[in-house]
Amino acid sequence: MIKPQVKRSIFFIFLVLFFGAVCGSIISQFVVNVIPDGVVKEFFLSSQSFGWGANENNWVDFFVIRFKTGFYVDVSISSILGLLVSWYFLRYFK
């Protein structure tokens, strides 16, 4: 017998991946306290920021109100591992 395909919303997929990235960040904070200083700790804690904002050119000016905008995402090895684990669970639990 063939299993019917389960349709998941894009919101649910992004929610699962978001929680995977958050879990990966929590794991990286755990690594900070458990693993001694060295190459392995630096490997898991190194991250790269992607985004825009936080400089003088990002002002939105409506003449009555003015505010800055910005959005950054920090990507690290542990957050990528969290994304991969969450993607695996998303695929496994159909």
N, C-alpha and C. Protein backbone atom coordinates (compact mmCIF):
# COMPACT_ATOMS: atom_id res chain seq x y z
N MET A 1 0.84 -1.18 0.00
CA MET A 1 0.00 0.00 0.00
C MET A 1 0.88 1.25 0.00
N ILE A 2 0.54 2.23 -0.78
CA ILE A 2 1.32 3.46 -0.90
C ILE A 2 0.79 4.49 0.08
N LYS A 3 1.73 5.11 0.80
CA LYS A 3 1.35 6.17 1.75
C LYS A 3 0.98 7.43 0.98
N PRO A 4 -0.06 8.12 1.40
CA PRO A 4 -0.40 9.39 0.75
C PRO A 4 0.64 10.45 1.09
N GLN A 5 0.87 11.35 0.16
CA GLN A 5 1.81 12.43 0.39
C GLN A 5 1.22 13.43 1.38
N VAL A 6 2.01 13.82 2.34
CA VAL A 6 1.57 14.81 3.33
C VAL A 6 2.01 16.18 2.82
N LYS A 7 1.05 17.07 2.66
CA LYS A 7 1.35 18.43 2.23
C LYS A 7 1.61 19.29 3.45
N ARG A 8 2.78 19.87 3.50
CA ARG A 8 3.14 20.77 4.60
C ARG A 8 3.20 22.19 4.06
N SER A 9 2.78 23.10 4.89
CA SER A 9 2.84 24.50 4.47
C SER A 9 4.28 25.00 4.55
N ILE A 10 4.55 26.01 3.79
CA ILE A 10 5.89 26.60 3.78
C ILE A 10 6.18 27.23 5.14
N PHE A 11 5.15 27.72 5.81
CA PHE A 11 5.32 28.29 7.15
C PHE A 11 5.81 27.22 8.12
N PHE A 12 5.23 26.03 8.07
CA PHE A 12 5.63 24.95 8.95
C PHE A 12 7.08 24.54 8.70
N ILE A 13 7.47 24.48 7.43
CA ILE A 13 8.86 24.12 7.09
C ILE A 13 9.83 25.15 7.63
N PHE A 14 9.54 26.44 7.42
CA PHE A 14 10.41 27.49 7.94
C PHE A 14 10.43 27.50 9.47
N LEU A 15 9.30 27.18 10.10
CA LEU A 15 9.25 27.13 11.55
C LEU A 15 10.15 26.02 12.09
N VAL A 16 10.09 24.85 11.47
CA VAL A 16 10.94 23.73 11.89
C VAL A 16 12.41 24.07 11.68
N LEU A 17 12.75 24.66 10.55
CA LEU A 17 14.15 25.03 10.29
C LEU A 17 14.62 26.13 11.23
N PHE A 18 13.74 27.06 11.57
CA PHE A 18 14.09 28.12 12.52
C PHE A 18 14.41 27.53 13.89
N PHE A 19 13.55 26.62 14.35
CA PHE A 19 13.81 25.99 15.65
C PHE A 19 15.07 25.15 15.61
N GLY A 20 15.40 24.56 14.47
CA GLY A 20 16.66 23.83 14.34
C GLY A 20 17.85 24.75 14.47
N ALA A 21 17.77 25.93 13.85
CA ALA A 21 18.86 26.90 13.96
C ALA A 21 18.99 27.41 15.39
N VAL A 22 17.86 27.63 16.07
CA VAL A 22 17.90 28.07 17.47
C VAL A 22 18.52 26.99 18.34
N CYS A 23 18.14 25.73 18.11
CA CYS A 23 18.74 24.62 18.88
C CYS A 23 20.24 24.54 18.62
N GLY A 24 20.66 24.77 17.39
CA GLY A 24 22.09 24.80 17.09
C GLY A 24 22.81 25.91 17.83
N SER A 25 22.17 27.06 17.96
CA SER A 25 22.76 28.17 18.72
C SER A 25 22.84 27.84 20.20
N ILE A 26 21.83 27.16 20.72
CA ILE A 26 21.87 26.74 22.12
C ILE A 26 23.00 25.74 22.34
N ILE A 27 23.18 24.85 21.39
CA ILE A 27 24.29 23.88 21.48
C ILE A 27 25.62 24.59 21.46
N SER A 28 25.75 25.65 20.65
CA SER A 28 27.02 26.38 20.62
C SER A 28 27.30 27.06 21.96
N GLN A 29 26.26 27.54 22.65
CA GLN A 29 26.46 28.12 23.97
C GLN A 29 26.84 27.05 24.98
N PHE A 30 26.34 25.85 24.80
CA PHE A 30 26.73 24.72 25.65
C PHE A 30 28.19 24.37 25.40
N VAL A 31 28.63 24.42 24.14
CA VAL A 31 30.01 24.11 23.79
C VAL A 31 30.97 25.10 24.43
N VAL A 32 30.55 26.35 24.54
CA VAL A 32 31.39 27.39 25.16
C VAL A 32 31.77 26.99 26.58
N ASN A 33 30.83 26.41 27.31
CA ASN A 33 31.07 26.09 28.72
C ASN A 33 31.69 24.73 28.94
N VAL A 34 31.63 23.82 27.99
CA VAL A 34 32.06 22.45 28.21
C VAL A 34 33.43 22.15 27.59
N ILE A 35 33.63 22.52 26.34
CA ILE A 35 34.87 22.18 25.64
C ILE A 35 35.97 23.16 26.04
N PRO A 36 37.16 22.65 26.36
CA PRO A 36 38.28 23.56 26.70
C PRO A 36 38.74 24.35 25.48
N ASP A 37 39.46 25.43 25.74
CA ASP A 37 39.95 26.28 24.66
C ASP A 37 40.83 25.48 23.71
N GLY A 38 40.71 25.80 22.45
CA GLY A 38 41.51 25.13 21.44
C GLY A 38 40.86 25.25 20.07
N VAL A 39 41.38 24.46 19.16
CA VAL A 39 40.95 24.51 17.76
C VAL A 39 39.51 24.03 17.61
N VAL A 40 39.13 22.98 18.32
CA VAL A 40 37.78 22.44 18.19
C VAL A 40 36.74 23.46 18.66
N LYS A 41 37.02 24.12 19.76
CA LYS A 41 36.10 25.13 20.29
C LYS A 41 35.97 26.29 19.31
N GLU A 42 37.08 26.74 18.76
CA GLU A 42 37.04 27.83 17.79
C GLU A 42 36.30 27.43 16.52
N PHE A 43 36.41 26.16 16.12
CA PHE A 43 35.71 25.67 14.93
C PHE A 43 34.20 25.76 15.12
N PHE A 44 33.71 25.33 16.28
CA PHE A 44 32.28 25.35 16.53
C PHE A 44 31.74 26.74 16.82
N LEU A 45 32.58 27.64 17.29
CA LEU A 45 32.11 28.97 17.67
C LEU A 45 32.32 30.03 16.61
N SER A 46 33.09 29.74 15.57
CA SER A 46 33.30 30.75 14.54
C SER A 46 32.00 30.94 13.76
N SER A 47 31.65 32.20 13.51
CA SER A 47 30.41 32.50 12.81
C SER A 47 30.64 33.65 11.84
N GLN A 48 29.72 33.76 10.92
CA GLN A 48 29.75 34.83 9.93
C GLN A 48 28.40 35.53 9.95
N SER A 49 28.41 36.85 9.96
CA SER A 49 27.16 37.62 9.97
C SER A 49 26.82 38.06 8.55
N PHE A 50 25.55 37.89 8.21
CA PHE A 50 25.03 38.35 6.93
C PHE A 50 23.84 39.23 7.20
N GLY A 51 23.71 40.32 6.46
CA GLY A 51 22.56 41.16 6.63
C GLY A 51 22.83 42.59 6.21
N TRP A 52 21.96 43.46 6.67
CA TRP A 52 22.09 44.88 6.35
C TRP A 52 21.61 45.70 7.54
N GLY A 53 22.10 46.91 7.60
CA GLY A 53 21.68 47.83 8.66
C GLY A 53 22.84 48.29 9.51
N ALA A 54 22.52 49.05 10.54
CA ALA A 54 23.45 49.52 11.57
C ALA A 54 24.54 50.43 11.02
N ASN A 55 24.27 51.14 9.95
CA ASN A 55 25.18 52.20 9.53
C ASN A 55 24.36 53.45 9.22
N GLU A 56 25.01 54.51 8.84
CA GLU A 56 24.34 55.80 8.67
C GLU A 56 23.40 55.85 7.47
N ASN A 57 23.51 54.93 6.53
CA ASN A 57 22.71 55.00 5.31
C ASN A 57 21.36 54.31 5.42
N ASN A 58 21.04 53.71 6.53
CA ASN A 58 19.82 52.92 6.63
C ASN A 58 18.70 53.64 7.38
N TRP A 59 18.62 54.91 7.27
CA TRP A 59 17.55 55.66 7.90
C TRP A 59 16.33 55.68 6.98
N VAL A 60 15.18 55.45 7.56
CA VAL A 60 13.91 55.62 6.85
C VAL A 60 13.31 56.91 7.39
N ASP A 61 13.11 57.87 6.51
CA ASP A 61 12.69 59.20 6.92
C ASP A 61 11.32 59.51 6.33
N PHE A 62 10.33 59.69 7.22
CA PHE A 62 8.98 60.08 6.81
C PHE A 62 8.69 61.54 7.18
N PHE A 63 9.70 62.31 7.47
CA PHE A 63 9.65 63.72 7.81
C PHE A 63 9.00 63.98 9.17
N VAL A 64 8.16 63.07 9.64
CA VAL A 64 7.58 63.20 10.97
C VAL A 64 8.28 62.25 11.93
N ILE A 65 8.61 61.11 11.42
CA ILE A 65 9.29 60.09 12.21
C ILE A 65 10.44 59.54 11.37
N ARG A 66 11.53 59.25 12.04
CA ARG A 66 12.71 58.72 11.37
C ARG A 66 13.23 57.55 12.19
N PHE A 67 13.55 56.43 11.53
CA PHE A 67 14.06 55.26 12.24
C PHE A 67 15.05 54.50 11.37
N LYS A 68 15.84 53.68 12.05
CA LYS A 68 16.82 52.85 11.36
C LYS A 68 16.27 51.45 11.18
N THR A 69 16.70 50.83 10.12
CA THR A 69 16.30 49.45 9.86
C THR A 69 17.53 48.57 9.81
N GLY A 70 17.33 47.28 10.01
CA GLY A 70 18.43 46.34 9.90
C GLY A 70 17.99 44.93 10.21
N PHE A 71 18.72 44.01 9.68
CA PHE A 71 18.44 42.59 9.89
C PHE A 71 19.74 41.83 9.69
N TYR A 72 20.15 41.04 10.69
CA TYR A 72 21.38 40.26 10.60
C TYR A 72 21.12 38.82 10.97
N VAL A 73 21.83 37.93 10.32
CA VAL A 73 21.78 36.51 10.61
C VAL A 73 23.21 36.04 10.85
N ASP A 74 23.45 35.41 12.00
CA ASP A 74 24.76 34.84 12.29
C ASP A 74 24.72 33.35 11.95
N VAL A 75 25.59 32.95 11.06
CA VAL A 75 25.65 31.55 10.63
C VAL A 75 26.93 30.95 11.20
N SER A 76 26.79 29.82 11.92
CA SER A 76 27.94 29.11 12.47
C SER A 76 27.79 27.63 12.15
N ILE A 77 28.82 26.88 12.44
CA ILE A 77 28.79 25.44 12.19
C ILE A 77 27.70 24.79 13.02
N SER A 78 27.54 25.20 14.26
CA SER A 78 26.52 24.58 15.12
C SER A 78 25.11 24.92 14.64
N SER A 79 24.88 26.12 14.11
CA SER A 79 23.55 26.44 13.60
C SER A 79 23.27 25.66 12.31
N ILE A 80 24.28 25.43 11.49
CA ILE A 80 24.11 24.61 10.29
C ILE A 80 23.81 23.17 10.68
N LEU A 81 24.50 22.65 11.71
CA LEU A 81 24.20 21.30 12.19
C LEU A 81 22.76 21.22 12.72
N GLY A 82 22.30 22.24 13.42
CA GLY A 82 20.92 22.28 13.89
C GLY A 82 19.93 22.29 12.74
N LEU A 83 20.24 23.05 11.68
CA LEU A 83 19.38 23.05 10.50
C LEU A 83 19.32 21.68 9.84
N LEU A 84 20.47 21.02 9.74
CA LEU A 84 20.50 19.70 9.11
C LEU A 84 19.73 18.67 9.92
N VAL A 85 19.85 18.71 11.25
CA VAL A 85 19.11 17.77 12.09
C VAL A 85 17.61 18.04 11.98
N SER A 86 17.21 19.31 11.99
CA SER A 86 15.78 19.61 11.88
C SER A 86 15.24 19.22 10.50
N TRP A 87 16.05 19.40 9.45
CA TRP A 87 15.63 18.97 8.11
C TRP A 87 15.47 17.45 8.06
N TYR A 88 16.36 16.72 8.73
CA TYR A 88 16.24 15.27 8.78
C TYR A 88 14.95 14.85 9.47
N PHE A 89 14.64 15.46 10.62
CA PHE A 89 13.40 15.13 11.32
C PHE A 89 12.17 15.53 10.50
N LEU A 90 12.26 16.62 9.77
CA LEU A 90 11.16 17.05 8.92
C LEU A 90 10.91 16.02 7.82
N ARG A 91 11.98 15.47 7.26
CA ARG A 91 11.84 14.47 6.21
C ARG A 91 11.45 13.10 6.78
N TYR A 92 11.91 12.77 7.98
CA TYR A 92 11.69 11.46 8.55
C TYR A 92 10.25 11.30 9.07
N PHE A 93 9.73 12.32 9.73
CA PHE A 93 8.39 12.24 10.31
C PHE A 93 7.36 12.79 9.32
N LYS A 94 7.04 12.00 8.33
CA LYS A 94 6.04 12.40 7.33
C LYS A 94 4.66 12.04 7.78
